[in-house]
């Protein structure tokens, strides 16, 4: 049944990560300097902010999308 498969998939997801104000401040500072950070810069941010690299990449993608709508 598709409903059963969907429930299993949703339950297997990682919980949403809540960024701290400090992390958001640093991400916005980095964005102000460069909207498209290099992979190296992304990695350095991930290390500095103790976040997975994928979270950094997604944050920049989402922030660019939100900024473009204003």
Foldseek 3Di string as FASTA:
>chain_A
DVVVVVVVVVVPDDDDDDADPVLVVVLVVVCVVPLDDDLVVLVVSCVVRVHDSVVSVVVSVVVVVVVVVD
